[in-house]
Amino acid sequence: RYIFDVSQKALNLDMCGLMIETHLQPENAITDARQQITLEALKTILKELSFRKEYGDNSFQKQLEILRNEIDGIDAELLNLLQKRLKVVEKIGHHKKKHNIAVYQVKRWNSIIRERTKLAKDLKLDDTFILKILRLVHDESIAVQHKIMNKK
């Protein structure tokens, strides 16, 4: 999926080759029949395949460096925000421990999913991408709170 995207007909990710399983009759292949293609399909792929360059000219590289620096700054902001969030999660964990409250709160989690996915949609962010991030952040939040709850 990442190296060769049939819809784009291009070799991506700075790869210099493909491994493609072919068979005269893929349905009769003894092994890996489901991942084999016919010779006709292979010919079509090879005919339509384009190879993307690894590097552009100097002007391209300079602009790319500017944009990458911008991403680096945004990534630093994201990491700082995650650290800030986890500090609040620790406070929540201590508060829950003090009052003997369960770590996992189903209603809260459902509310987060509903509200954040709505916000993501408004911001034109992919739902699947945002759900993955939310789950990772939530899992870490739960782990941090469990650690606090289990401390003597």
Protein backbone atom coordinates (compact mmCIF):
# COMPACT_ATOMS: atom_id res chain seq x y z
CA ARG A 1 0.00 0.00 0.00
CA TYR A 2 2.77 2.46 0.81
CA ILE A 3 5.37 1.45 -1.73
CA PHE A 4 3.24 0.98 -4.81
CA ASP A 5 -0.11 2.67 -5.07
CA VAL A 6 -1.93 1.19 -8.04
CA SER A 7 -4.22 4.23 -8.27
CA GLN A 8 -1.22 6.55 -8.60
CA LYS A 9 0.85 4.15 -10.67
CA ALA A 10 4.03 5.31 -8.98
CA LEU A 11 6.83 3.80 -6.96
CA ASN A 12 7.06 5.74 -3.70
CA LEU A 13 9.17 5.94 -0.54
CA ASP A 14 12.56 6.02 -2.24
CA MET A 15 12.31 2.34 -3.13
CA CYS A 16 14.22 1.00 -6.06
CA GLY A 17 12.23 -2.10 -6.86
CA LEU A 18 9.13 -4.20 -6.49
CA MET A 19 8.53 -7.77 -5.45
CA ILE A 20 5.49 -9.00 -7.33
CA GLU A 21 4.23 -12.57 -7.29
CA THR A 22 2.83 -13.70 -10.61
CA HIS A 23 1.33 -16.95 -11.78
CA LEU A 24 -0.18 -18.09 -15.06
CA GLN A 25 -3.27 -19.09 -13.07
CA PRO A 26 -3.15 -17.42 -9.64
CA GLU A 27 -6.26 -19.27 -8.49
CA ASN A 28 -4.36 -22.56 -8.96
CA ALA A 29 -1.14 -21.47 -7.23
CA ILE A 30 -0.06 -23.90 -4.51
CA THR A 31 1.10 -21.13 -2.19
CA ASP A 32 -0.03 -17.54 -1.68
CA ALA A 33 -2.68 -17.74 -4.39
CA ARG A 34 -4.54 -14.68 -3.06
CA GLN A 35 -1.55 -12.38 -3.44
CA GLN A 36 -0.51 -13.46 -6.91
CA ILE A 37 -1.44 -11.65 -10.10
CA THR A 38 -1.68 -12.76 -13.70
CA LEU A 39 0.99 -12.01 -16.28
CA GLU A 40 -1.43 -9.62 -17.98
CA ALA A 41 -1.85 -7.68 -14.74
CA LEU A 42 1.93 -7.59 -14.29
CA LYS A 43 2.37 -6.23 -17.83
CA THR A 44 -0.17 -3.49 -17.12
CA ILE A 45 1.51 -2.52 -13.87
CA LEU A 46 4.98 -2.38 -15.43
CA LYS A 47 3.75 -0.45 -18.46
CA GLU A 48 2.00 2.20 -16.36
CA LEU A 49 4.56 2.39 -13.55
CA SER A 50 6.43 5.63 -13.03
CA PHE A 51 9.44 6.16 -10.80
CA ARG A 52 9.55 9.23 -8.62
CA LYS A 53 12.82 11.06 -8.12
CA GLU A 54 14.55 10.99 -4.77
CA TYR A 55 15.69 14.61 -4.91
CA GLY A 56 14.68 17.77 -6.73
CA ASP A 57 16.78 20.71 -7.85
CA ASN A 58 18.29 23.24 -5.42
CA SER A 59 15.21 25.46 -5.43
CA PHE A 60 13.01 22.48 -4.59
CA GLN A 61 15.37 21.36 -1.82
CA LYS A 62 15.44 24.85 -0.24
CA GLN A 63 11.64 25.11 -0.21
CA LEU A 64 11.39 21.57 1.16
CA GLU A 65 13.81 22.46 3.97
CA ILE A 66 11.73 25.53 4.89
CA LEU A 67 8.58 23.41 5.07
CA ARG A 68 10.32 20.66 7.05
CA ASN A 69 11.56 23.24 9.55
CA GLU A 70 7.98 24.43 9.92
CA ILE A 71 6.90 20.83 10.62
CA ASP A 72 9.73 20.45 13.16
CA GLY A 73 8.40 23.47 15.06
CA ILE A 74 4.85 22.14 14.99
CA ASP A 75 6.07 18.73 16.21
CA ALA A 76 7.83 20.43 19.13
CA GLU A 77 4.56 22.20 19.98
CA LEU A 78 2.67 18.90 19.81
CA LEU A 79 5.14 17.22 22.15
CA ASN A 80 4.97 20.11 24.61
CA LEU A 81 1.17 19.95 24.55
CA LEU A 82 1.24 16.19 25.14
CA GLN A 83 3.54 16.69 28.12
CA LYS A 84 1.22 19.39 29.47
CA ARG A 85 -1.78 17.09 28.96
CA LEU A 86 -0.09 14.20 30.80
CA LYS A 87 0.65 16.45 33.77
CA VAL A 88 -3.08 17.17 34.01
CA VAL A 89 -3.78 13.43 33.64
CA GLU A 90 -1.50 12.82 36.65
CA LYS A 91 -3.51 15.33 38.68
CA ILE A 92 -6.70 13.55 37.64
CA GLY A 93 -5.16 10.21 38.66
CA HIS A 94 -4.28 11.52 42.12
CA HIS A 95 -7.75 13.04 42.49
CA LYS A 96 -9.41 9.74 41.49
CA LYS A 97 -7.17 7.79 43.86
CA LYS A 98 -7.98 10.11 46.77
CA HIS A 99 -11.71 9.59 46.18
CA ASN A 100 -11.51 5.89 45.17
CA ILE A 101 -12.90 6.50 41.66
CA ALA A 102 -12.39 4.10 38.73
CA VAL A 103 -9.74 5.11 36.22
CA TYR A 104 -11.72 4.32 33.08
CA GLN A 105 -14.82 6.47 32.65
CA VAL A 106 -16.94 5.16 29.76
CA LYS A 107 -19.21 8.22 29.54
CA ARG A 108 -16.21 10.55 29.45
CA TRP A 109 -14.48 8.48 26.77
CA ASN A 110 -17.63 8.40 24.61
CA SER A 111 -17.97 12.16 25.03
CA ILE A 112 -14.35 12.69 23.98
CA ILE A 113 -14.80 10.55 20.88
CA ARG A 114 -18.01 12.34 19.92
CA GLU A 115 -16.72 15.88 20.51
CA ARG A 116 -13.22 15.42 19.11
CA THR A 117 -14.39 13.66 15.96
CA LYS A 118 -16.89 16.45 15.38
CA LEU A 119 -14.12 19.03 15.80
CA ALA A 120 -11.86 16.98 13.52
CA LYS A 121 -14.58 16.88 10.88
CA ASP A 122 -15.00 20.68 11.16
CA LEU A 123 -11.24 21.01 10.70
CA LYS A 124 -11.39 18.65 7.71
CA LEU A 125 -9.19 16.04 9.40
CA ASP A 126 -9.56 12.36 8.56
CA ASP A 127 -11.75 10.52 11.11
CA THR A 128 -9.65 7.36 11.08
CA PHE A 129 -6.44 9.30 11.66
CA ILE A 130 -7.94 11.26 14.56
CA LEU A 131 -9.43 8.16 16.18
CA LYS A 132 -6.00 6.48 16.10
CA ILE A 133 -4.43 9.48 17.82
CA LEU A 134 -7.24 9.76 20.36
CA ARG A 135 -6.95 6.07 21.24
CA LEU A 136 -3.17 6.32 21.69
CA VAL A 137 -3.48 9.40 23.90
CA HIS A 138 -6.32 7.82 25.88
CA ASP A 139 -4.42 4.56 26.36
CA GLU A 140 -1.42 6.48 27.71
CA SER A 141 -3.71 8.51 30.00
CA ILE A 142 -5.23 5.31 31.38
CA ALA A 143 -1.75 3.78 31.89
CA VAL A 144 -0.54 6.87 33.77
CA GLN A 145 -3.61 6.84 36.02
CA HIS A 146 -3.26 3.08 36.68
CA LYS A 147 0.33 3.65 37.79
CA ILE A 148 -0.84 6.29 40.24
CA MET A 149 -3.67 4.11 41.54
CA ASN A 150 -1.35 1.15 42.13
CA LYS A 151 1.31 3.15 44.01
CA LYS A 152 1.35 2.42 47.72
